């Protein structure tokens, strides 16, 4: 299981130097509605609908450090589109989708060490496509989607790789939807937008914080505009790009959700696009603070295979992701929080399960913080230095 400390480097809208860079094209056929997942500094892209309206089952790997693509084993099953994908413990999982026979409930796991796909237990529910999926600690979450019966759903399910089993979660609030966007939000799930049962684009956003496991979804700031088929930055970068608000109106907007609100980023230079692929990569690479995006369908219904990277200029020039360390953790009486050496002091907030601030102070790195009065449970610790924000999880013992 990946460490959740650090969770994310969050950069506010005060950081204005963001630029798109075009990278080597995706070497497969141009397509839309492909799936993707990230393992380490590699992004895996496959399935989707290609030029000529054919479905695909081929898969390709982009090595962000080498800046190159290579073909991997094709998924050993029927071609499909509208799959949902997530990563747990350095294994990629691809769920559901739509093949020539209809909606699917299959789950396939990809093991990069052996370049092998293995079929896992199917979701014990009605087949579906155009769902969203994220990694959450040592399991995956699959939510929403279009059911085989032709109606969207608000269901959410957990998949546990250790036992190859599924467990139903509370359904998400708001309308049933499909073609939404989801991002791992500090160990939880942020779901936004999508299309409802009438095909109307939605803008509401909801967060499910898995570290608290209350079963409750919390409202987040709405997207600046209603969208479906946007693509987001997986578990490492909170960015969404593109999408549509109707069958004929596509967009090239890019927004970042770093501060709990959405801020405008440079528009995608490839033009309006829906059904593309978006990804971030793990925090041990020089491009860990970047968003990768490409493929998809434009307003002329032309499919693309271009591939781009949105870079962010940060105030910290480190190869690795900056982090905060919380010690001891779990804690009873006091904790110390340390952060990058470039910070002399930081604004530290501690938030409870409802997102309420229970401690808020300016402290030096390593200074003790009294937590003795906090109730037992899990808390979010946020450290701010100007526009840079880092997060961690604190467990408070009785």
Foldseek 3Di string as FASTA:
>chain_A
DDDLFFQAKFFDVVFADKDKDWADFFPDAFFFQWEWEAAFQKIKIDWGQGPVRDTTQWMKIARNFVRDIDTFDGDPDAGFGQWEWEDAPRKIKTAWGAGPVGTGQWIWIAHVVVSDIDTFDGDPDFGFGQWYKADAHRWIKTAWGAGRVGAIAQWMWIAHPVVSDIDTADGADDAGFGQWEWAADSRWIKTAWGAHRVRAIGFWIWIDRVQFPPSDIDTFETHPDGFGQWYAAGRHFQKTAKGARHLQGIFQWMWGCRPSYTDTHDGDPVGHFGRKYKYAHDFQAQRNQKIKIDWGAHNVRDTGRIIMIMHTDDPDPDGGDKGKDWPPAQDAFKIFIATDPVDQKWWKFKADPNRDTPDTDIDGHGDIDTPNPPDFGKIKIWTDDVRIITIDIGGYDD
